[in-house]
Amino acid sequence: MLSDQVKLDFQRRERIGFDEAVLCEWKSVEQIAYILQTAVEAKRSLLLTRLADAKLAALPEKLRKNIDYDPVSRTGFFAAELFVAAHAEVSVVSAGSSDIPVAHEAIRTLQYFGIGASEISDVGVAGLWRLMDRLDSIRASKVVIVAAGMDGALPSVVGGLVPGVVIAVPTSVGYGASDGGRTAMNACLSSCAAGLAVVNIDNGFGAACIALRVLRDTKAPQYRMLFEAAQGVNLSK
């Protein structure tokens, strides 16, 4: 029975400040539909990740119509009010256009939780002047998420230039020796840029969650108010 296969964690928000996300990639359409119906009955919204177009199309219309879907990142906001912060707290930087789907997963995750993000694309190290042209805006961010495949060099470069928290997302982009993102991941883990945080390959969602934890714990009262309004929690407790 589906009820034996799925146990949603609706208490996660109260424990850690943000909701459980639903990873749809290996779930059946039936499992996803059951999860969404459970959320309807609990009057809760959900963030859906790795939701393929075909699975979205196969969902019952009454559920599908309540999903705000982004095909680039394959993310969906189910029964969620879009909460857009007036100020971008995070810069999401991608080395090349091929890294944009991973970068957009991070941006959409942040948006779901009410955090604004500025997108800076195609500034990889092969044309370093492109990064330098955007450096002032990147340096203004409290948190910088950097998505890069191939040699995975961009996070180290950014980590040596900006004062904020830098989170590296190695991507699976690249030719044979890139090994599906392992070369980029190893480069990020071996970085000489001190204090670089690294998540798993293609894990834009995970990078956004690190950013949420960093920003949640900031002393800035304006951020606390934004986060509490979006999540319905009181972080002062």
C-alpha atoms as a PDB file:
ATOM      1  CA  MET A   1       0.000   0.000   0.000  1.00  0.00           C
ATOM      2  CA  LEU A   2       1.148   3.528  -0.740  1.00  0.00           C
ATOM      3  CA  SER A   3       0.557   4.521   2.873  1.00  0.00           C
ATOM      4  CA  ASP A   4       3.251   1.992   3.838  1.00  0.00           C
ATOM      5  CA  GLN A   5       5.690   3.387   1.262  1.00  0.00           C
ATOM      6  CA  VAL A   6       5.389   7.096   2.036  1.00  0.00           C
ATOM      7  CA  LYS A   7       5.764   8.844   5.400  1.00  0.00           C
ATOM      8  CA  LEU A   8       5.897  12.613   5.003  1.00  0.00           C
ATOM      9  CA  ASP A   9       7.788  14.639   7.588  1.00  0.00           C
ATOM     10  CA  PHE A  10       5.499  17.620   8.178  1.00  0.00           C
ATOM     11  CA  GLN A  11       7.251  18.379  11.470  1.00  0.00           C
ATOM     12  CA  ARG A  12      10.597  19.143   9.837  1.00  0.00           C
ATOM     13  CA  ARG A  13       9.806  22.859   9.608  1.00  0.00           C
ATOM     14  CA  GLU A  14       9.370  23.059  13.368  1.00  0.00           C
ATOM     15  CA  ARG A  15      12.632  21.172  13.958  1.00  0.00           C
ATOM     16  CA  ILE A  16      15.025  22.850  11.540  1.00  0.00           C
ATOM     17  CA  GLY A  17      13.188  25.827  10.040  1.00  0.00           C
ATOM     18  CA  PHE A  18      12.364  24.541   6.562  1.00  0.00           C
ATOM     19  CA  ASP A  19      10.237  21.837   5.005  1.00  0.00           C
ATOM     20  CA  GLU A  20      11.048  18.434   3.621  1.00  0.00           C
ATOM     21  CA  ALA A  21      11.394  18.455  -0.172  1.00  0.00           C
ATOM     22  CA  VAL A  22      10.075  15.634  -2.347  1.00  0.00           C
ATOM     23  CA  LEU A  23      12.686  14.073  -4.651  1.00  0.00           C
ATOM     24  CA  CYS A  24      10.550  12.827  -7.547  1.00  0.00           C
ATOM     25  CA  GLU A  25      13.171  11.322  -9.855  1.00  0.00           C
ATOM     26  CA  TRP A  26      12.876   7.712  -8.676  1.00  0.00           C
ATOM     27  CA  LYS A  27       9.268   7.854  -7.475  1.00  0.00           C
ATOM     28  CA  SER A  28       6.379   6.520  -9.510  1.00  0.00           C
ATOM     29  CA  VAL A  29       3.562   8.763 -10.688  1.00  0.00           C
ATOM     30  CA  GLU A  30       1.298   6.950  -8.231  1.00  0.00           C
ATOM     31  CA  GLN A  31       3.638   7.669  -5.320  1.00  0.00           C
ATOM     32  CA  ILE A  32       3.920  11.352  -6.272  1.00  0.00           C
ATOM     33  CA  ALA A  33       0.140  11.669  -6.589  1.00  0.00           C
ATOM     34  CA  TYR A  34      -0.327  10.065  -3.174  1.00  0.00           C
ATOM     35  CA  ILE A  35       2.200  12.475  -1.644  1.00  0.00           C
ATOM     36  CA  LEU A  36       0.454  15.494  -3.176  1.00  0.00           C
ATOM     37  CA  GLN A  37      -2.958  14.312  -2.008  1.00  0.00           C
ATOM     38  CA  THR A  38      -1.575  13.810   1.484  1.00  0.00           C
ATOM     39  CA  ALA A  39      -0.298  17.393   1.406  1.00  0.00           C
ATOM     40  CA  VAL A  40      -3.740  18.611   0.309  1.00  0.00           C
ATOM     41  CA  GLU A  41      -5.386  16.854   3.237  1.00  0.00           C
ATOM     42  CA  ALA A  42      -2.782  18.289   5.633  1.00  0.00           C
ATOM     43  CA  LYS A  43      -3.152  21.754   4.054  1.00  0.00           C
ATOM     44  CA  ARG A  44       0.589  21.948   3.424  1.00  0.00           C
ATOM     45  CA  SER A  45       2.674  23.078   0.483  1.00  0.00           C
ATOM     46  CA  LEU A  46       5.574  21.078  -0.968  1.00  0.00           C
ATOM     47  CA  LEU A  47       8.765  21.664  -2.914  1.00  0.00           C
ATOM     48  CA  LEU A  48       9.173  19.047  -5.644  1.00  0.00           C
ATOM     49  CA  THR A  49      12.621  18.383  -7.118  1.00  0.00           C
ATOM     50  CA  ARG A  50      13.736  16.368 -10.166  1.00  0.00           C
ATOM     51  CA  LEU A  51      10.165  16.223 -11.459  1.00  0.00           C
ATOM     52  CA  ALA A  52      10.297  15.126 -15.110  1.00  0.00           C
ATOM     53  CA  ASP A  53       7.901  16.626 -17.660  1.00  0.00           C
ATOM     54  CA  ALA A  54       6.412  13.198 -18.387  1.00  0.00           C
ATOM     55  CA  LYS A  55       5.607  12.515 -14.731  1.00  0.00           C
ATOM     56  CA  LEU A  56       4.095  15.968 -14.351  1.00  0.00           C
ATOM     57  CA  ALA A  57       1.868  15.367 -17.375  1.00  0.00           C
ATOM     58  CA  ALA A  58       0.747  11.997 -15.982  1.00  0.00           C
ATOM     59  CA  LEU A  59      -0.481  13.417 -12.667  1.00  0.00           C
ATOM     60  CA  PRO A  60      -4.232  13.914 -12.148  1.00  0.00           C
ATOM     61  CA  GLU A  61      -5.372  17.322 -13.386  1.00  0.00           C
ATOM     62  CA  LYS A  62      -6.712  18.374  -9.975  1.00  0.00           C
ATOM     63  CA  LEU A  63      -3.185  18.002  -8.557  1.00  0.00           C
ATOM     64  CA  ARG A  64      -1.231  19.141 -11.603  1.00  0.00           C
ATOM     65  CA  LYS A  65      -3.015  22.492 -11.818  1.00  0.00           C
ATOM     66  CA  ASN A  66      -1.690  23.413  -8.353  1.00  0.00           C
ATOM     67  CA  ILE A  67       1.967  22.973  -9.356  1.00  0.00           C
ATOM     68  CA  ASP A  68       4.079  25.937 -10.382  1.00  0.00           C
ATOM     69  CA  TYR A  69       6.558  24.099 -12.621  1.00  0.00           C
ATOM     70  CA  ASP A  70       9.936  25.163 -13.973  1.00  0.00           C
ATOM     71  CA  PRO A  71      11.130  22.817 -16.758  1.00  0.00           C
ATOM     72  CA  VAL A  72      14.738  24.051 -16.656  1.00  0.00           C
ATOM     73  CA  SER A  73      15.347  23.048 -13.042  1.00  0.00           C
ATOM     74  CA  ARG A  74      12.604  20.375 -13.040  1.00  0.00           C
ATOM     75  CA  THR A  75      11.235  21.827  -9.804  1.00  0.00           C
ATOM     76  CA  GLY A  76       7.646  22.365  -8.763  1.00  0.00           C
ATOM     77  CA  PHE A  77       5.952  24.399  -6.048  1.00  0.00           C
ATOM     78  CA  PHE A  78       2.815  22.541  -4.975  1.00  0.00           C
ATOM     79  CA  ALA A  79       0.038  24.637  -3.437  1.00  0.00           C
ATOM     80  CA  ALA A  80       2.646  27.242  -2.512  1.00  0.00           C
ATOM     81  CA  GLU A  81       2.262  30.994  -2.538  1.00  0.00           C
ATOM     82  CA  LEU A  82       5.197  32.546  -4.348  1.00  0.00           C
ATOM     83  CA  PHE A  83       7.078  34.722  -1.893  1.00  0.00           C
ATOM     84  CA  VAL A  84       9.645  36.941  -3.571  1.00  0.00           C
ATOM     85  CA  ALA A  85      12.062  38.843  -1.350  1.00  0.00           C
ATOM     86  CA  ALA A  86      12.714  42.447  -2.316  1.00  0.00           C
ATOM     87  CA  HIS A  87      16.467  42.018  -1.863  1.00  0.00           C
ATOM     88  CA  ALA A  88      18.692  39.245  -3.237  1.00  0.00           C
ATOM     89  CA  GLU A  89      20.596  37.721  -0.328  1.00  0.00           C
ATOM     90  CA  VAL A  90      22.348  35.084  -2.441  1.00  0.00           C
ATOM     91  CA  SER A  91      24.274  35.157  -5.708  1.00  0.00           C
ATOM     92  CA  VAL A  92      23.977  31.981  -7.778  1.00  0.00           C
ATOM     93  CA  VAL A  93      26.869  31.817 -10.212  1.00  0.00           C
ATOM     94  CA  SER A  94      27.283  29.286 -13.014  1.00  0.00           C
ATOM     95  CA  ALA A  95      30.434  28.638 -15.020  1.00  0.00           C
ATOM     96  CA  GLY A  96      28.680  27.860 -18.303  1.00  0.00           C
ATOM     97  CA  SER A  97      25.225  27.777 -19.829  1.00  0.00           C
ATOM     98  CA  SER A  98      25.201  23.991 -19.417  1.00  0.00           C
ATOM     99  CA  ASP A  99      25.329  24.463 -15.630  1.00  0.00           C
ATOM    100  CA  ILE A 100      22.148  26.567 -15.569  1.00  0.00           C
ATOM    101  CA  PRO A 101      19.699  23.713 -14.726  1.00  0.00           C
ATOM    102  CA  VAL A 102      21.631  23.012 -11.502  1.00  0.00           C
ATOM    103  CA  ALA A 103      21.890  26.731 -10.721  1.00  0.00           C
ATOM    104  CA  HIS A 104      18.145  27.113 -11.275  1.00  0.00           C
ATOM    105  CA  GLU A 105      17.426  24.268  -8.851  1.00  0.00           C
ATOM    106  CA  ALA A 106      19.248  26.302  -6.201  1.00  0.00           C
ATOM    107  CA  ILE A 107      17.434  29.512  -7.163  1.00  0.00           C
ATOM    108  CA  ARG A 108      14.020  27.865  -7.137  1.00  0.00           C
ATOM    109  CA  THR A 109      14.691  26.234  -3.757  1.00  0.00           C
ATOM    110  CA  LEU A 110      15.619  29.602  -2.308  1.00  0.00           C
ATOM    111  CA  GLN A 111      12.544  31.187  -3.874  1.00  0.00           C
ATOM    112  CA  TYR A 112      10.279  28.529  -2.356  1.00  0.00           C
ATOM    113  CA  PHE A 113      11.607  29.457   1.070  1.00  0.00           C
ATOM    114  CA  GLY A 114      11.211  33.189   0.442  1.00  0.00           C
ATOM    115  CA  ILE A 115      14.839  34.082  -0.294  1.00  0.00           C
ATOM    116  CA  GLY A 116      15.818  36.267  -3.233  1.00  0.00           C
ATOM    117  CA  ALA A 117      18.749  35.282  -5.429  1.00  0.00           C
ATOM    118  CA  SER A 118      20.583  37.014  -8.255  1.00  0.00           C
ATOM    119  CA  GLU A 119      21.603  34.823 -11.199  1.00  0.00           C
ATOM    120  CA  ILE A 120      25.018  35.308 -12.806  1.00  0.00           C
ATOM    121  CA  SER A 121      25.619  32.922 -15.693  1.00  0.00           C
ATOM    122  CA  ASP A 122      28.414  31.963 -18.075  1.00  0.00           C
ATOM    123  CA  VAL A 123      31.350  33.429 -16.142  1.00  0.00           C
ATOM    124  CA  GLY A 124      33.675  30.423 -16.226  1.00  0.00           C
ATOM    125  CA  VAL A 125      37.443  30.636 -15.948  1.00  0.00           C
ATOM    126  CA  ALA A 126      38.020  30.172 -19.700  1.00  0.00           C
ATOM    127  CA  GLY A 127      37.068  33.850 -20.025  1.00  0.00           C
ATOM    128  CA  LEU A 128      37.984  35.226 -16.612  1.00  0.00           C
ATOM    129  CA  TRP A 129      37.142  38.814 -17.603  1.00  0.00           C
ATOM    130  CA  ARG A 130      33.451  37.837 -17.543  1.00  0.00           C
ATOM    131  CA  LEU A 131      33.702  37.007 -13.840  1.00  0.00           C
ATOM    132  CA  MET A 132      35.669  40.144 -13.048  1.00  0.00           C
ATOM    133  CA  ASP A 133      32.980  42.266 -14.707  1.00  0.00           C
ATOM    134  CA  ARG A 134      30.418  40.910 -12.213  1.00  0.00           C
ATOM    135  CA  LEU A 135      32.639  40.667  -9.163  1.00  0.00           C
ATOM    136  CA  ASP A 136      31.313  43.740  -7.333  1.00  0.00           C
ATOM    137  CA  SER A 137      27.735  42.406  -7.319  1.00  0.00           C
ATOM    138  CA  ILE A 138      28.892  38.937  -6.277  1.00  0.00           C
ATOM    139  CA  ARG A 139      30.956  40.351  -3.399  1.00  0.00           C
ATOM    140  CA  ALA A 140      27.880  42.144  -2.062  1.00  0.00           C
ATOM    141  CA  SER A 141      26.113  38.829  -1.326  1.00  0.00           C
ATOM    142  CA  LYS A 142      26.218  37.147   2.082  1.00  0.00           C
ATOM    143  CA  VAL A 143      26.222  33.743   0.383  1.00  0.00           C
ATOM    144  CA  VAL A 144      27.480  32.738  -3.070  1.00  0.00           C
ATOM    145  CA  ILE A 145      26.539  29.430  -4.715  1.00  0.00           C
ATOM    146  CA  VAL A 146      28.837  28.450  -7.597  1.00  0.00           C
ATOM    147  CA  ALA A 147      27.886  25.695 -10.065  1.00  0.00           C
ATOM    148  CA  ALA A 148      30.655  24.388 -12.314  1.00  0.00           C
ATOM    149  CA  GLY A 149      31.468  21.232 -14.232  1.00  0.00           C
ATOM    150  CA  MET A 150      34.488  20.120 -16.294  1.00  0.00           C
ATOM    151  CA  ASP A 151      37.565  21.088 -14.212  1.00  0.00           C
ATOM    152  CA  GLY A 152      35.453  22.634 -11.431  1.00  0.00           C
ATOM    153  CA  ALA A 153      37.826  25.595 -11.142  1.00  0.00           C
ATOM    154  CA  LEU A 154      35.342  28.448 -10.748  1.00  0.00           C
ATOM    155  CA  PRO A 155      34.369  27.839  -7.076  1.00  0.00           C
ATOM    156  CA  SER A 156      38.028  28.045  -6.026  1.00  0.00           C
ATOM    157  CA  VAL A 157      38.511  31.288  -7.960  1.00  0.00           C
ATOM    158  CA  VAL A 158      35.381  32.817  -6.438  1.00  0.00           C
ATOM    159  CA  GLY A 159      36.384  31.539  -3.001  1.00  0.00           C
ATOM    160  CA  GLY A 160      39.620  33.479  -3.263  1.00  0.00           C
ATOM    161  CA  LEU A 161      37.909  36.733  -4.253  1.00  0.00           C
ATOM    162  CA  VAL A 162      34.799  37.200  -2.086  1.00  0.00           C
ATOM    163  CA  PRO A 163      34.326  37.507   1.693  1.00  0.00           C
ATOM    164  CA  GLY A 164      30.967  35.736   2.001  1.00  0.00           C
ATOM    165  CA  VAL A 165      30.160  32.053   2.388  1.00  0.00           C
ATOM    166  CA  VAL A 166      30.939  30.229  -0.888  1.00  0.00           C
ATOM    167  CA  ILE A 167      29.158  26.953  -1.662  1.00  0.00           C
ATOM    168  CA  ALA A 168      30.478  24.867  -4.552  1.00  0.00           C
ATOM    169  CA  VAL A 169      28.155  22.697  -6.624  1.00  0.00           C
ATOM    170  CA  PRO A 170      30.144  20.424  -8.945  1.00  0.00           C
ATOM    171  CA  THR A 171      28.039  19.532 -11.991  1.00  0.00           C
ATOM    172  CA  SER A 172      28.077  16.504 -14.272  1.00  0.00           C
ATOM    173  CA  VAL A 173      28.866  18.681 -17.307  1.00  0.00           C
ATOM    174  CA  GLY A 174      31.977  17.778 -19.314  1.00  0.00           C
ATOM    175  CA  TYR A 175      33.693  15.304 -21.605  1.00  0.00           C
ATOM    176  CA  GLY A 176      35.016  11.828 -20.729  1.00  0.00           C
ATOM    177  CA  ALA A 177      37.692  12.583 -18.144  1.00  0.00           C
ATOM    178  CA  SER A 178      35.191  14.791 -16.300  1.00  0.00           C
ATOM    179  CA  ASP A 179      33.731  11.465 -15.160  1.00  0.00           C
ATOM    180  CA  GLY A 180      30.161  12.644 -14.690  1.00  0.00           C
ATOM    181  CA  GLY A 181      31.180  15.454 -12.325  1.00  0.00           C
ATOM    182  CA  ARG A 182      33.666  13.542 -10.171  1.00  0.00           C
ATOM    183  CA  THR A 183      36.619  15.532 -11.492  1.00  0.00           C
ATOM    184  CA  ALA A 184      34.861  18.798 -10.609  1.00  0.00           C
ATOM    185  CA  MET A 185      33.874  17.449  -7.190  1.00  0.00           C
ATOM    186  CA  ASN A 186      37.421  16.320  -6.409  1.00  0.00           C
ATOM    187  CA  ALA A 187      38.751  19.709  -7.509  1.00  0.00           C
ATOM    188  CA  CYS A 188      36.317  21.495  -5.208  1.00  0.00           C
ATOM    189  CA  LEU A 189      37.122  19.193  -2.287  1.00  0.00           C
ATOM    190  CA  SER A 190      40.848  19.751  -2.907  1.00  0.00           C
ATOM    191  CA  SER A 191      40.480  23.524  -3.249  1.00  0.00           C
ATOM    192  CA  CYS A 192      43.127  25.810  -1.803  1.00  0.00           C
ATOM    193  CA  ALA A 193      40.435  28.445  -1.219  1.00  0.00           C
ATOM    194  CA  ALA A 194      39.990  28.259   2.552  1.00  0.00           C
ATOM    195  CA  GLY A 195      36.495  27.607   3.876  1.00  0.00           C
ATOM    196  CA  LEU A 196      34.890  26.478   0.619  1.00  0.00           C
ATOM    197  CA  ALA A 197      31.768  24.375   1.280  1.00  0.00           C
ATOM    198  CA  VAL A 198      31.072  21.591  -1.234  1.00  0.00           C
ATOM    199  CA  VAL A 199      27.876  19.641  -1.932  1.00  0.00           C
ATOM    200  CA  ASN A 200      27.311  16.549  -4.036  1.00  0.00           C
ATOM    201  CA  ILE A 201      27.294  16.500  -7.831  1.00  0.00           C
ATOM    202  CA  ASP A 202      24.372  18.449  -9.383  1.00  0.00           C
ATOM    203  CA  ASN A 203      22.932  19.118  -5.922  1.00  0.00           C
ATOM    204  CA  GLY A 204      21.571  22.636  -6.333  1.00  0.00           C
ATOM    205  CA  PHE A 205      18.913  21.856  -3.737  1.00  0.00           C
ATOM    206  CA  GLY A 206      21.529  20.928  -1.147  1.00  0.00           C
ATOM    207  CA  ALA A 207      23.513  24.098  -1.818  1.00  0.00           C
ATOM    208  CA  ALA A 208      20.387  26.187  -1.294  1.00  0.00           C
ATOM    209  CA  CYS A 209      19.717  24.419   2.013  1.00  0.00           C
ATOM    210  CA  ILE A 210      23.204  25.321   3.258  1.00  0.00           C
ATOM    211  CA  ALA A 211      22.484  28.928   2.268  1.00  0.00           C
ATOM    212  CA  LEU A 212      19.198  28.781   4.195  1.00  0.00           C
ATOM    213  CA  ARG A 213      20.960  27.553   7.325  1.00  0.00           C
ATOM    214  CA  VAL A 214      23.594  30.295   7.031  1.00  0.00           C
ATOM    215  CA  LEU A 215      21.028  33.037   6.496  1.00  0.00           C
ATOM    216  CA  ARG A 216      18.647  31.708   9.134  1.00  0.00           C
ATOM    217  CA  ASP A 217      21.339  32.092  11.759  1.00  0.00           C
ATOM    218  CA  THR A 218      22.340  35.591  10.728  1.00  0.00           C
ATOM    219  CA  LYS A 219      21.767  38.348  13.253  1.00  0.00           C
ATOM    220  CA  ALA A 220      20.148  40.582  10.629  1.00  0.00           C
ATOM    221  CA  PRO A 221      16.586  41.208  11.879  1.00  0.00           C
ATOM    222  CA  GLN A 222      15.267  41.951   8.384  1.00  0.00           C
ATOM    223  CA  TYR A 223      16.237  38.460   7.238  1.00  0.00           C
ATOM    224  CA  ARG A 224      14.616  36.839  10.249  1.00  0.00           C
ATOM    225  CA  MET A 225      11.361  38.636   9.485  1.00  0.00           C
ATOM    226  CA  LEU A 226      11.436  37.532   5.839  1.00  0.00           C
ATOM    227  CA  PHE A 227      12.188  33.931   6.735  1.00  0.00           C
ATOM    228  CA  GLU A 228       9.555  33.767   9.448  1.00  0.00           C
ATOM    229  CA  ALA A 229       6.927  35.284   7.157  1.00  0.00           C
ATOM    230  CA  ALA A 230       7.688  32.747   4.423  1.00  0.00           C
ATOM    231  CA  GLN A 231       7.909  29.716   6.676  1.00  0.00           C
ATOM    232  CA  GLY A 232       5.466  30.495   9.462  1.00  0.00           C
ATOM    233  CA  VAL A 233       8.072  29.901  12.166  1.00  0.00           C
ATOM    234  CA  ASN A 234       9.464  31.932  15.035  1.00  0.00           C
ATOM    235  CA  LEU A 235      13.243  31.678  15.002  1.00  0.00           C
ATOM    236  CA  SER A 236      13.577  33.644  18.214  1.00  0.00           C
ATOM    237  CA  LYS A 237      12.291  30.756  20.323  1.00  0.00           C
END
